[in-house]
PDB file of all heavy atoms in Angstrom:
ATOM      1  N   ALA A   1     101.597 110.331  91.424  1.00  0.00           N
ATOM      2  CA  ALA A   1     102.378 109.552  90.457  1.00  0.00           C
ATOM      3  C   ALA A   1     103.864 109.614  90.790  1.00  0.00           C
ATOM      4  O   ALA A   1     104.587 108.612  90.649  1.00  0.00           O
ATOM      5  CB  ALA A   1     102.127 110.065  89.044  1.00  0.00           C
ATOM      6  N   VAL A   2     104.334 110.775  91.247  1.00  0.00           N
ATOM      7  CA  VAL A   2     105.742 110.922  91.636  1.00  0.00           C
ATOM      8  C   VAL A   2     106.062 110.008  92.828  1.00  0.00           C
ATOM      9  O   VAL A   2     107.092 109.323  92.840  1.00  0.00           O
ATOM     10  CB  VAL A   2     106.058 112.390  91.987  1.00  0.00           C
ATOM     11  CG1 VAL A   2     107.438 112.498  92.639  1.00  0.00           C
ATOM     12  CG2 VAL A   2     105.997 113.260  90.739  1.00  0.00           C
ATOM     13  N   VAL A   3     105.164 110.006  93.820  1.00  0.00           N
ATOM     14  CA  VAL A   3     105.370 109.144  94.996  1.00  0.00           C
ATOM     15  C   VAL A   3     105.444 107.678  94.589  1.00  0.00           C
ATOM     16  O   VAL A   3     106.328 106.933  95.034  1.00  0.00           O
ATOM     17  CB  VAL A   3     104.236 109.369  96.019  1.00  0.00           C
ATOM     18  CG1 VAL A   3     104.319 108.330  97.146  1.00  0.00           C
ATOM     19  CG2 VAL A   3     104.303 110.771  96.601  1.00  0.00           C
ATOM     20  N   ILE A   4     104.520 107.261  93.734  1.00  0.00           N
ATOM     21  CA  ILE A   4     104.483 105.862  93.288  1.00  0.00           C
ATOM     22  C   ILE A   4     105.750 105.518  92.500  1.00  0.00           C
ATOM     23  O   ILE A   4     106.353 104.455  92.699  1.00  0.00           O
ATOM     24  CB  ILE A   4     103.229 105.600  92.449  1.00  0.00           C
ATOM     25  CG1 ILE A   4     101.975 105.728  93.320  1.00  0.00           C
ATOM     26  CG2 ILE A   4     103.283 104.223  91.794  1.00  0.00           C
ATOM     27  CD1 ILE A   4     100.674 105.723  92.543  1.00  0.00           C
ATOM     28  N   ALA A   5     106.160 106.407  91.600  1.00  0.00           N
ATOM     29  CA  ALA A   5     107.356 106.163  90.797  1.00  0.00           C
ATOM     30  C   ALA A   5     108.600 106.063  91.680  1.00  0.00           C
ATOM     31  O   ALA A   5     109.469 105.211  91.453  1.00  0.00           O
ATOM     32  CB  ALA A   5     107.528 107.274  89.760  1.00  0.00           C
ATOM     33  N   LEU A   6     108.682 106.924  92.690  1.00  0.00           N
ATOM     34  CA  LEU A   6     109.825 106.866  93.616  1.00  0.00           C
ATOM     35  C   LEU A   6     109.852 105.537  94.358  1.00  0.00           C
ATOM     36  O   LEU A   6     110.923 104.938  94.559  1.00  0.00           O
ATOM     37  CB  LEU A   6     109.753 108.026  94.610  1.00  0.00           C
ATOM     38  CG  LEU A   6     110.058 109.420  94.062  1.00  0.00           C
ATOM     39  CD1 LEU A   6     109.798 110.482  95.124  1.00  0.00           C
ATOM     40  CD2 LEU A   6     111.497 109.509  93.569  1.00  0.00           C
ATOM     41  N   SER A   7     108.688 105.078  94.771  1.00  0.00           N
ATOM     42  CA  SER A   7     108.617 103.790  95.471  1.00  0.00           C
ATOM     43  C   SER A   7     109.045 102.652  94.555  1.00  0.00           C
ATOM     44  O   SER A   7     109.813 101.764  94.960  1.00  0.00           O
ATOM     45  CB  SER A   7     107.188 103.549  95.969  1.00  0.00           C
ATOM     46  OG  SER A   7     107.052 102.264  96.530  1.00  0.00           O
ATOM     47  N   LEU A   8     108.557 102.676  93.316  1.00  0.00           N
ATOM     48  CA  LEU A   8     108.906 101.619  92.361  1.00  0.00           C
ATOM     49  C   LEU A   8     110.390 101.642  92.019  1.00  0.00           C
ATOM     50  O   LEU A   8     110.955 100.618  91.614  1.00  0.00           O
ATOM     51  CB  LEU A   8     108.075 101.781  91.089  1.00  0.00           C
ATOM     52  CG  LEU A   8     106.563 101.523  91.235  1.00  0.00           C
ATOM     53  CD1 LEU A   8     105.833 101.919  89.960  1.00  0.00           C
ATOM     54  CD2 LEU A   8     106.296 100.060  91.569  1.00  0.00           C
ATOM     55  N   ALA A   9     111.020 102.799  92.172  1.00  0.00           N
ATOM     56  CA  ALA A   9     112.455 102.915  91.899  1.00  0.00           C
ATOM     57  C   ALA A   9     113.305 102.507  93.096  1.00  0.00           C
ATOM     58  O   ALA A   9     114.541 102.555  93.034  1.00  0.00           O
ATOM     59  CB  ALA A   9     112.789 104.345  91.481  1.00  0.00           C
ATOM     60  N   GLY A  10     112.656 102.120  94.207  1.00  0.00           N
ATOM     61  CA  GLY A  10     113.392 101.662  95.378  1.00  0.00           C
ATOM     62  C   GLY A  10     113.904 102.774  96.270  1.00  0.00           C
ATOM     63  O   GLY A  10     114.867 102.588  97.013  1.00  0.00           O
ATOM     64  N   THR A  11     113.236 103.934  96.227  1.00  0.00           N
ATOM     65  CA  THR A  11     113.656 105.079  97.043  1.00  0.00           C
ATOM     66  C   THR A  11     113.448 104.785  98.525  1.00  0.00           C
ATOM     67  O   THR A  11     112.499 104.094  98.910  1.00  0.00           O
ATOM     68  CB  THR A  11     112.843 106.337  96.647  1.00  0.00           C
ATOM     69  OG1 THR A  11     112.970 106.535  95.242  1.00  0.00           O
ATOM     70  CG2 THR A  11     113.341 107.559  97.382  1.00  0.00           C
ATOM     71  N   ASN A  12     114.322 105.341  99.372  1.00  0.00           N
ATOM     72  CA  ASN A  12     114.234 105.054 100.804  1.00  0.00           C
ATOM     73  C   ASN A  12     113.007 105.711 101.439  1.00  0.00           C
ATOM     74  O   ASN A  12     112.422 106.647 100.893  1.00  0.00           O
ATOM     75  CB  ASN A  12     115.517 105.471 101.539  1.00  0.00           C
ATOM     76  CG  ASN A  12     115.668 106.985 101.609  1.00  0.00           C
ATOM     77  OD1 ASN A  12     114.911 107.681 102.253  1.00  0.00           O
ATOM     78  ND2 ASN A  12     116.701 107.493 100.926  1.00  0.00           N
ATOM     79  N   HIS A  13     112.650 105.222 102.605  1.00  0.00           N
ATOM     80  CA  HIS A  13     111.395 105.598 103.262  1.00  0.00           C
ATOM     81  C   HIS A  13     111.322 107.081 103.602  1.00  0.00           C
ATOM     82  O   HIS A  13     110.256 107.696 103.494  1.00  0.00           O
ATOM     83  CB  HIS A  13     111.225 104.773 104.536  1.00  0.00           C
ATOM     84  CG  HIS A  13     109.993 105.119 105.311  1.00  0.00           C
ATOM     85  ND1 HIS A  13     108.724 104.773 104.887  1.00  0.00           N
ATOM     86  CD2 HIS A  13     109.828 105.801 106.477  1.00  0.00           C
ATOM     87  CE1 HIS A  13     107.832 105.209 105.756  1.00  0.00           C
ATOM     88  NE2 HIS A  13     108.483 105.830 106.730  1.00  0.00           N
ATOM     89  N   LEU A  14     112.442 107.675 103.998  1.00  0.00           N
ATOM     90  CA  LEU A  14     112.420 109.079 104.416  1.00  0.00           C
ATOM     91  C   LEU A  14     112.053 109.994 103.253  1.00  0.00           C
ATOM     92  O   LEU A  14     111.243 110.926 103.404  1.00  0.00           O
ATOM     93  CB  LEU A  14     113.787 109.471 104.990  1.00  0.00           C
ATOM     94  CG  LEU A  14     113.888 110.897 105.549  1.00  0.00           C
ATOM     95  CD1 LEU A  14     112.889 111.088 106.673  1.00  0.00           C
ATOM     96  CD2 LEU A  14     115.312 111.186 106.025  1.00  0.00           C
ATOM     97  N   ILE A  15     112.635 109.746 102.090  1.00  0.00           N
ATOM     98  CA  ILE A  15     112.313 110.552 100.907  1.00  0.00           C
ATOM     99  C   ILE A  15     110.851 110.365 100.521  1.00  0.00           C
ATOM    100  O   ILE A  15     110.148 111.333 100.186  1.00  0.00           O
ATOM    101  CB  ILE A  15     113.232 110.172  99.733  1.00  0.00           C
ATOM    102  CG1 ILE A  15     114.681 110.543 100.038  1.00  0.00           C
ATOM    103  CG2 ILE A  15     112.768 110.860  98.443  1.00  0.00           C
ATOM    104  CD1 ILE A  15     115.659 110.151  98.960  1.00  0.00           C
ATOM    105  N   LEU A  16     110.371 109.136 100.591  1.00  0.00           N
ATOM    106  CA  LEU A  16     108.966 108.865 100.266  1.00  0.00           C
ATOM    107  C   LEU A  16     108.031 109.559 101.251  1.00  0.00           C
ATOM    108  O   LEU A  16     106.957 110.039 100.867  1.00  0.00           O
ATOM    109  CB  LEU A  16     108.705 107.359 100.274  1.00  0.00           C
ATOM    110  CG  LEU A  16     109.204 106.600  99.054  1.00  0.00           C
ATOM    111  CD1 LEU A  16     109.086 105.096  99.279  1.00  0.00           C
ATOM    112  CD2 LEU A  16     108.426 107.011  97.819  1.00  0.00           C
ATOM    113  N   LEU A  17     108.438 109.621 102.490  1.00  0.00           N
ATOM    114  CA  LEU A  17     107.621 110.297 103.509  1.00  0.00           C
ATOM    115  C   LEU A  17     107.458 111.768 103.190  1.00  0.00           C
ATOM    116  O   LEU A  17     106.337 112.311 103.203  1.00  0.00           O
ATOM    117  CB  LEU A  17     108.266 110.113 104.889  1.00  0.00           C
ATOM    118  CG  LEU A  17     107.574 110.850 106.044  1.00  0.00           C
ATOM    119  CD1 LEU A  17     106.161 110.315 106.231  1.00  0.00           C
ATOM    120  CD2 LEU A  17     108.390 110.689 107.336  1.00  0.00           C
ATOM    121  N   TRP A  18     108.568 112.434 102.867  1.00  0.00           N
ATOM    122  CA  TRP A  18     108.503 113.864 102.545  1.00  0.00           C
ATOM    123  C   TRP A  18     107.778 114.112 101.225  1.00  0.00           C
ATOM    124  O   TRP A  18     107.082 115.119 101.066  1.00  0.00           O
ATOM    125  CB  TRP A  18     109.910 114.450 102.492  1.00  0.00           C
ATOM    126  CG  TRP A  18     110.504 114.675 103.851  1.00  0.00           C
ATOM    127  CD1 TRP A  18     111.465 113.939 104.477  1.00  0.00           C
ATOM    128  CD2 TRP A  18     110.139 115.711 104.770  1.00  0.00           C
ATOM    129  NE1 TRP A  18     111.731 114.443 105.715  1.00  0.00           N
ATOM    130  CE2 TRP A  18     110.942 115.541 105.929  1.00  0.00           C
ATOM    131  CE3 TRP A  18     109.235 116.768 104.732  1.00  0.00           C
ATOM    132  CZ2 TRP A  18     110.842 116.380 107.030  1.00  0.00           C
ATOM    133  CZ3 TRP A  18     109.139 117.612 105.833  1.00  0.00           C
ATOM    134  CH2 TRP A  18     109.935 117.408 106.955  1.00  0.00           C
ATOM    135  N   ALA A  19     107.921 113.214 100.263  1.00  0.00           N
ATOM    136  CA  ALA A  19     107.217 113.366  98.990  1.00  0.00           C
ATOM    137  C   ALA A  19     105.716 113.143  99.147  1.00  0.00           C
ATOM    138  O   ALA A  19     104.911 113.707  98.391  1.00  0.00           O
ATOM    139  CB  ALA A  19     107.784 112.382  97.964  1.00  0.00           C
ATOM    140  N   SER A  20     105.336 112.331 100.130  1.00  0.00           N
ATOM    141  CA  SER A  20     103.919 112.022 100.333  1.00  0.00           C
ATOM    142  C   SER A  20     103.148 113.187 100.942  1.00  0.00           C
ATOM    143  O   SER A  20     101.926 113.293 100.747  1.00  0.00           O
ATOM    144  CB  SER A  20     103.785 110.791 101.242  1.00  0.00           C
ATOM    145  OG  SER A  20     104.346 109.652 100.647  1.00  0.00           O
ATOM    146  N   ILE A  21     103.832 114.055 101.675  1.00  0.00           N
ATOM    147  CA  ILE A  21     103.137 115.160 102.355  1.00  0.00           C
ATOM    148  C   ILE A  21     102.473 116.112 101.364  1.00  0.00           C
ATOM    149  O   ILE A  21     101.267 116.387 101.472  1.00  0.00           O
ATOM    150  CB  ILE A  21     104.106 115.904 103.291  1.00  0.00           C
ATOM    151  CG1 ILE A  21     104.533 114.975 104.435  1.00  0.00           C
ATOM    152  CG2 ILE A  21     103.465 117.175 103.842  1.00  0.00           C
ATOM    153  CD1 ILE A  21     105.594 115.560 105.351  1.00  0.00           C
ATOM    154  N   PRO A  22     103.200 116.684 100.371  1.00  0.00           N
ATOM    155  CA  PRO A  22     102.512 117.563  99.408  1.00  0.00           C
ATOM    156  C   PRO A  22     101.472 116.825  98.572  1.00  0.00           C
ATOM    157  O   PRO A  22     100.457 117.408  98.189  1.00  0.00           O
ATOM    158  CB  PRO A  22     103.657 118.097  98.535  1.00  0.00           C
ATOM    159  CG  PRO A  22     104.779 117.136  98.708  1.00  0.00           C
ATOM    160  CD  PRO A  22     104.651 116.632 100.104  1.00  0.00           C
ATOM    161  N   ALA A  23     101.706 115.533  98.306  1.00  0.00           N
ATOM    162  CA  ALA A  23     100.720 114.755  97.540  1.00  0.00           C
ATOM    163  C   ALA A  23      99.420 114.629  98.324  1.00  0.00           C
ATOM    164  O   ALA A  23      98.322 114.760  97.762  1.00  0.00           O
ATOM    165  CB  ALA A  23     101.283 113.382  97.214  1.00  0.00           C
ATOM    166  N   ALA A  24      99.534 114.383  99.626  1.00  0.00           N
ATOM    167  CA  ALA A  24      98.344 114.263 100.468  1.00  0.00           C
ATOM    168  C   ALA A  24      97.616 115.599 100.592  1.00  0.00           C
ATOM    169  O   ALA A  24      96.378 115.651 100.563  1.00  0.00           O
ATOM    170  CB  ALA A  24      98.729 113.746 101.850  1.00  0.00           C
ATOM    171  N   LEU A  25      98.380 116.680 100.714  1.00  0.00           N
ATOM    172  CA  LEU A  25      97.768 118.009 100.808  1.00  0.00           C
ATOM    173  C   LEU A  25      97.018 118.366  99.526  1.00  0.00           C
ATOM    174  O   LEU A  25      95.878 118.859  99.566  1.00  0.00           O
ATOM    175  CB  LEU A  25      98.843 119.062 101.108  1.00  0.00           C
ATOM    176  CG  LEU A  25      99.451 119.042 102.508  1.00  0.00           C
ATOM    177  CD1 LEU A  25     100.588 120.055 102.607  1.00  0.00           C
ATOM    178  CD2 LEU A  25      98.387 119.345 103.557  1.00  0.00           C
ATOM    179  N   ALA A  26      97.641 118.109  98.380  1.00  0.00           N
ATOM    180  CA  ALA A  26      96.999 118.404  97.099  1.00  0.00           C
ATOM    181  C   ALA A  26      95.749 117.547  96.909  1.00  0.00           C
ATOM    182  O   ALA A  26      94.726 118.015  96.392  1.00  0.00           O
ATOM    183  CB  ALA A  26      97.975 118.174  95.951  1.00  0.00           C
ATOM    184  N   THR A  27      95.828 116.294  97.333  1.00  0.00           N
ATOM    185  CA  THR A  27      94.678 115.396  97.236  1.00  0.00           C
ATOM    186  C   THR A  27      93.513 115.906  98.079  1.00  0.00           C
ATOM    187  O   THR A  27      92.351 115.896  97.652  1.00  0.00           O
ATOM    188  CB  THR A  27      95.064 113.976  97.693  1.00  0.00           C
ATOM    189  OG1 THR A  27      96.102 113.478  96.840  1.00  0.00           O
ATOM    190  CG2 THR A  27      93.876 113.036  97.644  1.00  0.00           C
ATOM    191  N   THR A  28      93.827 116.383  99.285  1.00  0.00           N
ATOM    192  CA  THR A  28      92.797 116.918 100.176  1.00  0.00           C
ATOM    193  C   THR A  28      92.171 118.181  99.605  1.00  0.00           C
ATOM    194  O   THR A  28      90.939 118.350  99.609  1.00  0.00           O
ATOM    195  CB  THR A  28      93.400 117.218 101.563  1.00  0.00           C
ATOM    196  OG1 THR A  28      93.970 116.017 102.100  1.00  0.00           O
ATOM    197  CG2 THR A  28      92.337 117.738 102.510  1.00  0.00           C
ATOM    198  N   ILE A  29      93.004 119.096  99.100  1.00  0.00           N
ATOM    199  CA  ILE A  29      92.505 120.349  98.533  1.00  0.00           C
ATOM    200  C   ILE A  29      91.614 120.078  97.320  1.00  0.00           C
ATOM    201  O   ILE A  29      90.536 120.669  97.166  1.00  0.00           O
ATOM    202  CB  ILE A  29      93.681 121.266  98.143  1.00  0.00           C
ATOM    203  CG1 ILE A  29      94.428 121.736  99.400  1.00  0.00           C
ATOM    204  CG2 ILE A  29      93.188 122.470  97.338  1.00  0.00           C
ATOM    205  CD1 ILE A  29      95.704 122.487  99.111  1.00  0.00           C
ATOM    206  N   ALA A  30      92.063 119.164  96.460  1.00  0.00           N
ATOM    207  CA  ALA A  30      91.258 118.819  95.285  1.00  0.00           C
ATOM    208  C   ALA A  30      89.916 118.236  95.702  1.00  0.00           C
ATOM    209  O   ALA A  30      88.865 118.571  95.135  1.00  0.00           O
ATOM    210  CB  ALA A  30      92.012 117.821  94.406  1.00  0.00           C
TER     211      ALA A  30
END
C-alpha cells in the first residue's frame, strides 16, 4: 500500500524502487 500510495503521489522512480524491495520480500515471506 505504501508503494502504491507513493506512486500515486508522483514519487520518483528511485524512491519507488527502494520502497518496492521490502514490499517484495514481505510478500514472498508471507
